[in-house]
Amino acid sequence: MKKIAFLLISMILISGCTSNSEPTKAGAIASLYFVADTPRGFKLFSEQREFPETENLGQDVISDLVSGKIVPLDPNYVNLWGAKNTVNSITASDSVATIDLGTISLNVGAESEERAIEQIVWTFLEINTAIKAVRFTVNGNTVESFAGHVDTTREFTKSPGYDVLNPLQISSITEGETLTNPITIFGQACTFEANVYWRLSQDGNLVKDGSTTAGAACPERSAWSVALDTLDPGSYRFEVIEYSAEDGSLFAIDDKNFSIK
């Protein structure tokens, strides 16, 4: 999986944070959505974070997301929003939230603009489960587009997961985390016949591999797990992979690096 080369800029309940700081006290677990360039195009990936709670958790995290203060832990993921974007306010009427942005600086192509908007929509709608749709304004005014490609005069709901989420996600490991034996890794999948191929490597050498199945096949997204049991101390890389049923080419992948003391 490669990073998005052309970019110029790099939930539940959550609160704001900065990329280089840790929460000062225990708070809420957050699902934050980022983007990666995959064999199927730009897809959303989530990362779990813990943040201290505030009175305006949703607005705090969206403000930090669009200002670029929140960055992914996984180097394969990116935050498409840059340092010049701001949020003026977030209000709600019935089941629709209006996010009023201030400065907008989003220099991306059509597909990336869609994913940048979905970063906000997926993140915010998981923070506020009573909200079903998001509309955008800029300094109180409706605008035609943020980057010249996507119509932003309409309301946005979550697009189907099989369209925008990566087919495979490792959710039990934070990139670079130190784990304790015995090891079981889990995540979510939306794959053909629910198949999930996995492999564990160390220093580029295959340690073990195998396959498992998720709870259901795509278009349903469901859980999978792999028991690695006891591993020797050291650094490891774990990957989940889907190959095309048509020609055997790489179809989807997610990976995480971790260590055992």
C-alpha atoms as a PDB file:
ATOM      1  CA  MET A   1       0.000   0.000   0.000  1.00  0.00           C
ATOM      2  CA  LYS A   2       1.537   3.286  -1.004  1.00  0.00           C
ATOM      3  CA  LYS A   3       0.934   6.747   0.304  1.00  0.00           C
ATOM      4  CA  ILE A   4      -0.902   9.320  -1.798  1.00  0.00           C
ATOM      5  CA  ALA A   5       2.016  10.855  -3.605  1.00  0.00           C
ATOM      6  CA  PHE A   6       0.435  13.919  -5.092  1.00  0.00           C
ATOM      7  CA  LEU A   7      -1.028  15.373  -1.893  1.00  0.00           C
ATOM      8  CA  LEU A   8       0.310  18.696  -0.846  1.00  0.00           C
ATOM      9  CA  ILE A   9      -1.367  18.596   2.555  1.00  0.00           C
ATOM     10  CA  SER A  10      -1.483  16.060   4.742  1.00  0.00           C
ATOM     11  CA  MET A  11     -16.015   8.273  17.542  1.00  0.00           C
ATOM     12  CA  ILE A  12     -19.120   7.143  20.059  1.00  0.00           C
ATOM     13  CA  LEU A  13     -17.551  10.384  21.561  1.00  0.00           C
ATOM     14  CA  ILE A  14     -14.390  12.350  21.057  1.00  0.00           C
ATOM     15  CA  SER A  15     -12.511  15.512  21.804  1.00  0.00           C
ATOM     16  CA  GLY A  16      -9.699  17.553  20.286  1.00  0.00           C
ATOM     17  CA  CYS A  17      -6.012  16.655  20.433  1.00  0.00           C
ATOM     18  CA  THR A  18      -2.687  17.424  18.828  1.00  0.00           C
ATOM     19  CA  SER A  19      -0.535  15.018  16.885  1.00  0.00           C
ATOM     20  CA  ASN A  20       2.341  14.991  19.372  1.00  0.00           C
ATOM     21  CA  SER A  21       0.498  15.035  22.680  1.00  0.00           C
ATOM     22  CA  GLU A  22      -1.165  12.428  24.841  1.00  0.00           C
ATOM     23  CA  PRO A  23      -4.468  12.963  26.665  1.00  0.00           C
ATOM     24  CA  THR A  24      -3.976  14.320  30.167  1.00  0.00           C
ATOM     25  CA  LYS A  25      -6.782  12.164  31.565  1.00  0.00           C
ATOM     26  CA  ALA A  26      -8.878   9.191  30.572  1.00  0.00           C
ATOM     27  CA  GLY A  27     -11.766  10.053  28.291  1.00  0.00           C
ATOM     28  CA  ALA A  28     -13.757   8.653  25.399  1.00  0.00           C
ATOM     29  CA  ILE A  29     -12.651   6.189  22.740  1.00  0.00           C
ATOM     30  CA  ALA A  30     -12.763   7.716  19.254  1.00  0.00           C
ATOM     31  CA  SER A  31     -12.931   6.388  15.715  1.00  0.00           C
ATOM     32  CA  LEU A  32     -11.137   8.830  13.416  1.00  0.00           C
ATOM     33  CA  TYR A  33     -11.257   8.385   9.653  1.00  0.00           C
ATOM     34  CA  PHE A  34      -8.264   8.855   7.366  1.00  0.00           C
ATOM     35  CA  VAL A  35      -7.473   8.005   3.737  1.00  0.00           C
ATOM     36  CA  ALA A  36      -4.987   5.764   1.943  1.00  0.00           C
ATOM     37  CA  ASP A  37      -4.215   5.010  -1.692  1.00  0.00           C
ATOM     38  CA  THR A  38      -5.126   1.352  -2.268  1.00  0.00           C
ATOM     39  CA  PRO A  39      -5.377  -1.021  -5.252  1.00  0.00           C
ATOM     40  CA  ARG A  40      -9.040   0.037  -5.455  1.00  0.00           C
ATOM     41  CA  GLY A  41      -8.445   3.773  -5.217  1.00  0.00           C
ATOM     42  CA  PHE A  42      -8.631   6.088  -2.232  1.00  0.00           C
ATOM     43  CA  LYS A  43     -10.374   4.427   0.712  1.00  0.00           C
ATOM     44  CA  LEU A  44     -11.222   5.304   4.305  1.00  0.00           C
ATOM     45  CA  PHE A  45      -9.476   3.666   7.263  1.00  0.00           C
ATOM     46  CA  SER A  46     -10.270   4.230  10.928  1.00  0.00           C
ATOM     47  CA  GLU A  47      -7.989   4.607  13.937  1.00  0.00           C
ATOM     48  CA  GLN A  48      -9.048   4.315  17.552  1.00  0.00           C
ATOM     49  CA  ARG A  49      -7.930   7.087  19.894  1.00  0.00           C
ATOM     50  CA  GLU A  50      -8.675   8.121  23.469  1.00  0.00           C
ATOM     51  CA  PHE A  51      -9.305  11.789  24.228  1.00  0.00           C
ATOM     52  CA  PRO A  52     -10.340  13.833  27.257  1.00  0.00           C
ATOM     53  CA  GLU A  53     -13.987  14.826  27.145  1.00  0.00           C
ATOM     54  CA  THR A  54     -15.183  18.402  26.677  1.00  0.00           C
ATOM     55  CA  GLU A  55     -18.603  20.043  26.409  1.00  0.00           C
ATOM     56  CA  ASN A  56     -18.367  20.255  22.594  1.00  0.00           C
ATOM     57  CA  LEU A  57     -16.670  17.000  21.689  1.00  0.00           C
ATOM     58  CA  GLY A  58     -17.929  16.810  18.106  1.00  0.00           C
ATOM     59  CA  GLN A  59     -16.962  20.352  17.182  1.00  0.00           C
ATOM     60  CA  ASP A  60     -13.601  20.009  18.916  1.00  0.00           C
ATOM     61  CA  VAL A  61     -12.572  16.931  16.952  1.00  0.00           C
ATOM     62  CA  ILE A  62     -13.854  18.161  13.591  1.00  0.00           C
ATOM     63  CA  SER A  63     -11.991  21.438  14.158  1.00  0.00           C
ATOM     64  CA  ASP A  64      -8.782  19.546  14.876  1.00  0.00           C
ATOM     65  CA  LEU A  65      -9.369  17.205  11.933  1.00  0.00           C
ATOM     66  CA  VAL A  66      -9.854  19.909   9.297  1.00  0.00           C
ATOM     67  CA  SER A  67      -7.059  22.071  10.708  1.00  0.00           C
ATOM     68  CA  GLY A  68      -4.635  19.167  10.331  1.00  0.00           C
ATOM     69  CA  LYS A  69      -3.913  18.939  14.073  1.00  0.00           C
ATOM     70  CA  ILE A  70      -5.036  15.312  14.048  1.00  0.00           C
ATOM     71  CA  VAL A  71      -2.758  13.126  11.961  1.00  0.00           C
ATOM     72  CA  PRO A  72      -2.838   9.345  11.518  1.00  0.00           C
ATOM     73  CA  LEU A  73      -0.521   7.088  13.465  1.00  0.00           C
ATOM     74  CA  ASP A  74      -0.177   4.701  10.533  1.00  0.00           C
ATOM     75  CA  PRO A  75       2.236   6.123   7.906  1.00  0.00           C
ATOM     76  CA  ASN A  76       0.125   4.584   5.135  1.00  0.00           C
ATOM     77  CA  TYR A  77      -2.814   6.830   6.034  1.00  0.00           C
ATOM     78  CA  VAL A  78      -3.172  10.573   5.494  1.00  0.00           C
ATOM     79  CA  ASN A  79      -5.413  13.376   6.666  1.00  0.00           C
ATOM     80  CA  LEU A  80      -6.463  15.189   3.489  1.00  0.00           C
ATOM     81  CA  TRP A  81      -7.222  18.406   5.373  1.00  0.00           C
ATOM     82  CA  GLY A  82      -4.442  20.956   5.806  1.00  0.00           C
ATOM     83  CA  ALA A  83      -3.406  23.564   8.327  1.00  0.00           C
ATOM     84  CA  LYS A  84      -5.515  26.482   7.037  1.00  0.00           C
ATOM     85  CA  ASN A  85      -9.028  25.046   7.499  1.00  0.00           C
ATOM     86  CA  THR A  86     -11.233  26.117  10.398  1.00  0.00           C
ATOM     87  CA  VAL A  87     -14.675  25.405  11.855  1.00  0.00           C
ATOM     88  CA  ASN A  88     -16.854  28.315  12.952  1.00  0.00           C
ATOM     89  CA  SER A  89     -19.701  26.306  14.447  1.00  0.00           C
ATOM     90  CA  ILE A  90     -21.706  23.099  14.296  1.00  0.00           C
ATOM     91  CA  THR A  91     -25.462  23.239  14.819  1.00  0.00           C
ATOM     92  CA  ALA A  92     -28.178  20.624  14.542  1.00  0.00           C
ATOM     93  CA  SER A  93     -31.824  20.662  13.538  1.00  0.00           C
ATOM     94  CA  ASP A  94     -33.720  17.404  13.897  1.00  0.00           C
ATOM     95  CA  SER A  95     -31.328  14.787  12.446  1.00  0.00           C
ATOM     96  CA  VAL A  96     -29.260  17.134  10.236  1.00  0.00           C
ATOM     97  CA  ALA A  97     -26.083  18.899  11.390  1.00  0.00           C
ATOM     98  CA  THR A  98     -24.755  22.037   9.731  1.00  0.00           C
ATOM     99  CA  ILE A  99     -20.988  22.399   9.851  1.00  0.00           C
ATOM    100  CA  ASP A 100     -20.031  26.000   9.150  1.00  0.00           C
ATOM    101  CA  LEU A 101     -16.433  26.188   7.985  1.00  0.00           C
ATOM    102  CA  GLY A 102     -14.274  29.287   7.959  1.00  0.00           C
ATOM    103  CA  THR A 103     -11.150  29.261   5.855  1.00  0.00           C
ATOM    104  CA  ILE A 104     -11.045  26.492   3.229  1.00  0.00           C
ATOM    105  CA  SER A 105      -7.781  25.261   1.700  1.00  0.00           C
ATOM    106  CA  LEU A 106      -8.250  21.902   0.001  1.00  0.00           C
ATOM    107  CA  ASN A 107      -5.990  21.343  -3.004  1.00  0.00           C
ATOM    108  CA  VAL A 108      -6.984  17.848  -4.172  1.00  0.00           C
ATOM    109  CA  GLY A 109      -8.517  16.009  -7.118  1.00  0.00           C
ATOM    110  CA  ALA A 110     -12.105  14.816  -7.492  1.00  0.00           C
ATOM    111  CA  GLU A 111     -11.778  11.450  -5.726  1.00  0.00           C
ATOM    112  CA  SER A 112      -9.736  12.943  -2.891  1.00  0.00           C
ATOM    113  CA  GLU A 113     -12.266  15.741  -2.406  1.00  0.00           C
ATOM    114  CA  GLU A 114     -14.978  13.101  -1.994  1.00  0.00           C
ATOM    115  CA  ARG A 115     -12.890  11.232   0.564  1.00  0.00           C
ATOM    116  CA  ALA A 116     -11.987  14.431   2.446  1.00  0.00           C
ATOM    117  CA  ILE A 117     -15.669  15.223   2.868  1.00  0.00           C
ATOM    118  CA  GLU A 118     -16.338  11.627   3.913  1.00  0.00           C
ATOM    119  CA  GLN A 119     -13.605  11.914   6.552  1.00  0.00           C
ATOM    120  CA  ILE A 120     -15.717  14.593   8.223  1.00  0.00           C
ATOM    121  CA  VAL A 121     -19.061  12.890   7.624  1.00  0.00           C
ATOM    122  CA  TRP A 122     -18.038   9.429   8.874  1.00  0.00           C
ATOM    123  CA  THR A 123     -16.174  10.860  11.867  1.00  0.00           C
ATOM    124  CA  PHE A 124     -18.947  13.231  12.910  1.00  0.00           C
ATOM    125  CA  LEU A 125     -21.828  10.797  12.433  1.00  0.00           C
ATOM    126  CA  GLU A 126     -20.084   8.268  14.670  1.00  0.00           C
ATOM    127  CA  ILE A 127     -19.661  10.933  17.321  1.00  0.00           C
ATOM    128  CA  ASN A 128     -23.333  11.902  17.125  1.00  0.00           C
ATOM    129  CA  THR A 129     -25.379   8.834  16.330  1.00  0.00           C
ATOM    130  CA  ALA A 130     -28.662  10.781  16.426  1.00  0.00           C
ATOM    131  CA  ILE A 131     -27.469  12.824  13.418  1.00  0.00           C
ATOM    132  CA  LYS A 132     -28.158  11.179  10.061  1.00  0.00           C
ATOM    133  CA  ALA A 133     -26.900  13.808   7.600  1.00  0.00           C
ATOM    134  CA  VAL A 134     -24.452  16.700   7.364  1.00  0.00           C
ATOM    135  CA  ARG A 135     -24.658  19.873   5.351  1.00  0.00           C
ATOM    136  CA  PHE A 136     -21.853  22.389   4.909  1.00  0.00           C
ATOM    137  CA  THR A 137     -21.662  26.163   4.817  1.00  0.00           C
ATOM    138  CA  VAL A 138     -18.663  28.481   4.635  1.00  0.00           C
ATOM    139  CA  ASN A 139     -18.915  31.589   6.802  1.00  0.00           C
ATOM    140  CA  GLY A 140     -22.667  31.077   6.852  1.00  0.00           C
ATOM    141  CA  ASN A 141     -23.054  30.712   3.091  1.00  0.00           C
ATOM    142  CA  THR A 142     -23.727  27.682   0.934  1.00  0.00           C
ATOM    143  CA  VAL A 143     -20.874  27.102  -1.523  1.00  0.00           C
ATOM    144  CA  GLU A 144     -20.812  25.053  -4.708  1.00  0.00           C
ATOM    145  CA  SER A 145     -17.616  23.140  -3.937  1.00  0.00           C
ATOM    146  CA  PHE A 146     -14.563  23.019  -1.668  1.00  0.00           C
ATOM    147  CA  ALA A 147     -12.002  22.099  -4.335  1.00  0.00           C
ATOM    148  CA  GLY A 148     -13.952  22.460  -7.561  1.00  0.00           C
ATOM    149  CA  HIS A 149     -15.109  18.853  -8.022  1.00  0.00           C
ATOM    150  CA  VAL A 150     -17.813  17.835  -5.539  1.00  0.00           C
ATOM    151  CA  ASP A 151     -21.222  19.515  -5.171  1.00  0.00           C
ATOM    152  CA  THR A 152     -21.337  20.787  -1.582  1.00  0.00           C
ATOM    153  CA  THR A 153     -24.802  22.350  -1.812  1.00  0.00           C
ATOM    154  CA  ARG A 154     -26.430  19.019  -0.890  1.00  0.00           C
ATOM    155  CA  GLU A 155     -26.727  17.066   2.340  1.00  0.00           C
ATOM    156  CA  PHE A 156     -24.220  14.282   2.941  1.00  0.00           C
ATOM    157  CA  THR A 157     -24.942  10.924   4.554  1.00  0.00           C
ATOM    158  CA  LYS A 158     -22.596   7.990   5.037  1.00  0.00           C
ATOM    159  CA  SER A 159     -21.897   6.412   1.662  1.00  0.00           C
ATOM    160  CA  PRO A 160     -22.189   2.598   1.637  1.00  0.00           C
ATOM    161  CA  GLY A 161     -19.219   1.103   3.461  1.00  0.00           C
ATOM    162  CA  TYR A 162     -18.390  -1.231   0.579  1.00  0.00           C
ATOM    163  CA  ASP A 163     -17.853   1.849  -1.604  1.00  0.00           C
ATOM    164  CA  VAL A 164     -15.706   4.034   0.655  1.00  0.00           C
ATOM    165  CA  LEU A 165     -14.143   1.848   3.363  1.00  0.00           C
ATOM    166  CA  ASN A 166     -11.136  -0.315   2.609  1.00  0.00           C
ATOM    167  CA  PRO A 167     -12.315  -3.930   2.298  1.00  0.00           C
ATOM    168  CA  LEU A 168      -9.905  -4.915   5.078  1.00  0.00           C
ATOM    169  CA  GLN A 169      -9.103  -3.203   8.366  1.00  0.00           C
ATOM    170  CA  ILE A 170      -6.895  -4.223  11.287  1.00  0.00           C
ATOM    171  CA  SER A 171      -8.494  -2.595  14.311  1.00  0.00           C
ATOM    172  CA  SER A 172      -6.902  -4.236  17.364  1.00  0.00           C
ATOM    173  CA  ILE A 173      -3.376  -2.898  16.822  1.00  0.00           C
ATOM    174  CA  THR A 174      -2.125   0.662  16.929  1.00  0.00           C
ATOM    175  CA  GLU A 175       0.809   1.173  14.561  1.00  0.00           C
ATOM    176  CA  GLY A 176       4.057   0.558  16.465  1.00  0.00           C
ATOM    177  CA  GLU A 177       2.307  -0.785  19.559  1.00  0.00           C
ATOM    178  CA  THR A 178       4.021  -3.132  22.010  1.00  0.00           C
ATOM    179  CA  LEU A 179       1.869  -6.209  22.651  1.00  0.00           C
ATOM    180  CA  THR A 180       1.837  -8.897  25.313  1.00  0.00           C
ATOM    181  CA  ASN A 181       1.523 -12.638  24.660  1.00  0.00           C
ATOM    182  CA  PRO A 182      -0.685 -14.444  23.798  1.00  0.00           C
ATOM    183  CA  ILE A 183      -1.535 -12.491  20.641  1.00  0.00           C
ATOM    184  CA  THR A 184      -4.926 -12.400  18.930  1.00  0.00           C
ATOM    185  CA  ILE A 185      -5.484  -9.848  16.175  1.00  0.00           C
ATOM    186  CA  PHE A 186      -8.891  -8.819  14.928  1.00  0.00           C
ATOM    187  CA  GLY A 187     -10.516  -6.400  12.529  1.00  0.00           C
ATOM    188  CA  GLN A 188     -13.272  -6.005   9.945  1.00  0.00           C
ATOM    189  CA  ALA A 189     -13.684  -7.181   6.363  1.00  0.00           C
ATOM    190  CA  CYS A 190     -15.979  -6.876   3.375  1.00  0.00           C
ATOM    191  CA  THR A 191     -14.514  -9.462   0.998  1.00  0.00           C
ATOM    192  CA  PHE A 192     -15.523 -12.089  -1.552  1.00  0.00           C
ATOM    193  CA  GLU A 193     -16.878 -15.133   0.266  1.00  0.00           C
ATOM    194  CA  ALA A 194     -15.636 -13.520   3.516  1.00  0.00           C
ATOM    195  CA  ASN A 195     -12.068 -14.675   2.791  1.00  0.00           C
ATOM    196  CA  VAL A 196      -9.161 -13.025   4.642  1.00  0.00           C
ATOM    197  CA  TYR A 197      -5.581 -14.113   3.923  1.00  0.00           C
ATOM    198  CA  TRP A 198      -3.024 -13.104   6.537  1.00  0.00           C
ATOM    199  CA  ARG A 199       0.717 -13.250   6.997  1.00  0.00           C
ATOM    200  CA  LEU A 200       3.157 -12.445   9.783  1.00  0.00           C
ATOM    201  CA  SER A 201       6.726 -11.436   8.983  1.00  0.00           C
ATOM    202  CA  GLN A 202       9.849 -10.379  10.840  1.00  0.00           C
ATOM    203  CA  ASP A 203      12.690  -8.424   9.227  1.00  0.00           C
ATOM    204  CA  GLY A 204      11.140  -9.152   5.834  1.00  0.00           C
ATOM    205  CA  ASN A 205      11.042 -12.909   6.420  1.00  0.00           C
ATOM    206  CA  LEU A 206       7.777 -14.829   6.584  1.00  0.00           C
ATOM    207  CA  VAL A 207       7.115 -16.236  10.061  1.00  0.00           C
ATOM    208  CA  LYS A 208       3.713 -17.767   9.438  1.00  0.00           C
ATOM    209  CA  ASP A 209       0.650 -17.235   7.269  1.00  0.00           C
ATOM    210  CA  GLY A 210      -2.835 -18.585   6.820  1.00  0.00           C
ATOM    211  CA  SER A 211      -6.418 -17.665   6.096  1.00  0.00           C
ATOM    212  CA  THR A 212      -9.540 -16.987   8.072  1.00  0.00           C
ATOM    213  CA  THR A 213     -13.075 -15.891   7.314  1.00  0.00           C
ATOM    214  CA  ALA A 214     -15.094 -12.920   8.445  1.00  0.00           C
ATOM    215  CA  GLY A 215     -18.579 -13.346   9.840  1.00  0.00           C
ATOM    216  CA  ALA A 216     -20.223 -12.634   6.479  1.00  0.00           C
ATOM    217  CA  ALA A 217     -19.314 -11.923   2.873  1.00  0.00           C
ATOM    218  CA  CYS A 218     -19.470  -8.533   1.179  1.00  0.00           C
ATOM    219  CA  PRO A 219     -21.576  -6.376   0.905  1.00  0.00           C
ATOM    220  CA  GLU A 220     -21.850  -6.965   4.645  1.00  0.00           C
ATOM    221  CA  ARG A 221     -18.905  -5.791   6.729  1.00  0.00           C
ATOM    222  CA  SER A 222     -18.128  -8.100   9.624  1.00  0.00           C
ATOM    223  CA  ALA A 223     -15.462  -9.155  12.109  1.00  0.00           C
ATOM    224  CA  TRP A 224     -12.525 -11.538  11.668  1.00  0.00           C
ATOM    225  CA  SER A 225      -9.825 -12.681  14.096  1.00  0.00           C
ATOM    226  CA  VAL A 226      -6.483 -14.489  13.975  1.00  0.00           C
ATOM    227  CA  ALA A 227      -4.879 -16.186  16.997  1.00  0.00           C
ATOM    228  CA  LEU A 228      -1.079 -15.955  16.780  1.00  0.00           C
ATOM    229  CA  ASP A 229      -0.651 -17.365  20.291  1.00  0.00           C
ATOM    230  CA  THR A 230       2.841 -16.831  21.765  1.00  0.00           C
ATOM    231  CA  LEU A 231       5.508 -14.978  19.787  1.00  0.00           C
ATOM    232  CA  ASP A 232       9.194 -14.535  20.565  1.00  0.00           C
ATOM    233  CA  PRO A 233      10.354 -11.044  21.538  1.00  0.00           C
ATOM    234  CA  GLY A 234      11.063  -8.778  18.571  1.00  0.00           C
ATOM    235  CA  SER A 235       9.443  -6.602  15.924  1.00  0.00           C
ATOM    236  CA  TYR A 236       6.774  -7.953  13.584  1.00  0.00           C
ATOM    237  CA  ARG A 237       4.602  -6.941  10.668  1.00  0.00           C
ATOM    238  CA  PHE A 238       1.081  -8.321  10.313  1.00  0.00           C
ATOM    239  CA  GLU A 239      -0.864  -8.034   7.052  1.00  0.00           C
ATOM    240  CA  VAL A 240      -4.369  -8.942   5.953  1.00  0.00           C
ATOM    241  CA  ILE A 241      -4.821  -9.307   2.203  1.00  0.00           C
ATOM    242  CA  GLU A 242      -7.510  -9.944  -0.375  1.00  0.00           C
ATOM    243  CA  TYR A 243      -6.618 -11.144  -3.859  1.00  0.00           C
ATOM    244  CA  SER A 244      -8.881 -10.744  -6.871  1.00  0.00           C
ATOM    245  CA  ALA A 245     -11.055 -13.794  -7.546  1.00  0.00           C
ATOM    246  CA  GLU A 246     -10.776 -12.996 -11.260  1.00  0.00           C
ATOM    247  CA  ASP A 247      -7.043 -12.721 -11.905  1.00  0.00           C
ATOM    248  CA  GLY A 248      -5.272 -13.142  -8.553  1.00  0.00           C
ATOM    249  CA  SER A 249      -4.052  -9.545  -8.416  1.00  0.00           C
ATOM    250  CA  LEU A 250      -3.821  -7.625  -5.165  1.00  0.00           C
ATOM    251  CA  PHE A 251      -7.295  -6.339  -4.335  1.00  0.00           C
ATOM    252  CA  ALA A 252      -6.998  -4.969  -0.787  1.00  0.00           C
ATOM    253  CA  ILE A 253      -4.489  -4.855   2.052  1.00  0.00           C
ATOM    254  CA  ASP A 254      -3.965  -3.413   5.520  1.00  0.00           C
ATOM    255  CA  ASP A 255      -0.870  -3.852   7.675  1.00  0.00           C
ATOM    256  CA  LYS A 256       0.443  -2.968  11.097  1.00  0.00           C
ATOM    257  CA  ASN A 257       3.876  -3.096  12.723  1.00  0.00           C
ATOM    258  CA  PHE A 258       4.105  -4.154  16.367  1.00  0.00           C
ATOM    259  CA  SER A 259       6.612  -5.519  18.830  1.00  0.00           C
ATOM    260  CA  ILE A 260       6.797  -8.135  21.577  1.00  0.00           C
ATOM    261  CA  LYS A 261       9.039  -7.484  24.575  1.00  0.00           C
END
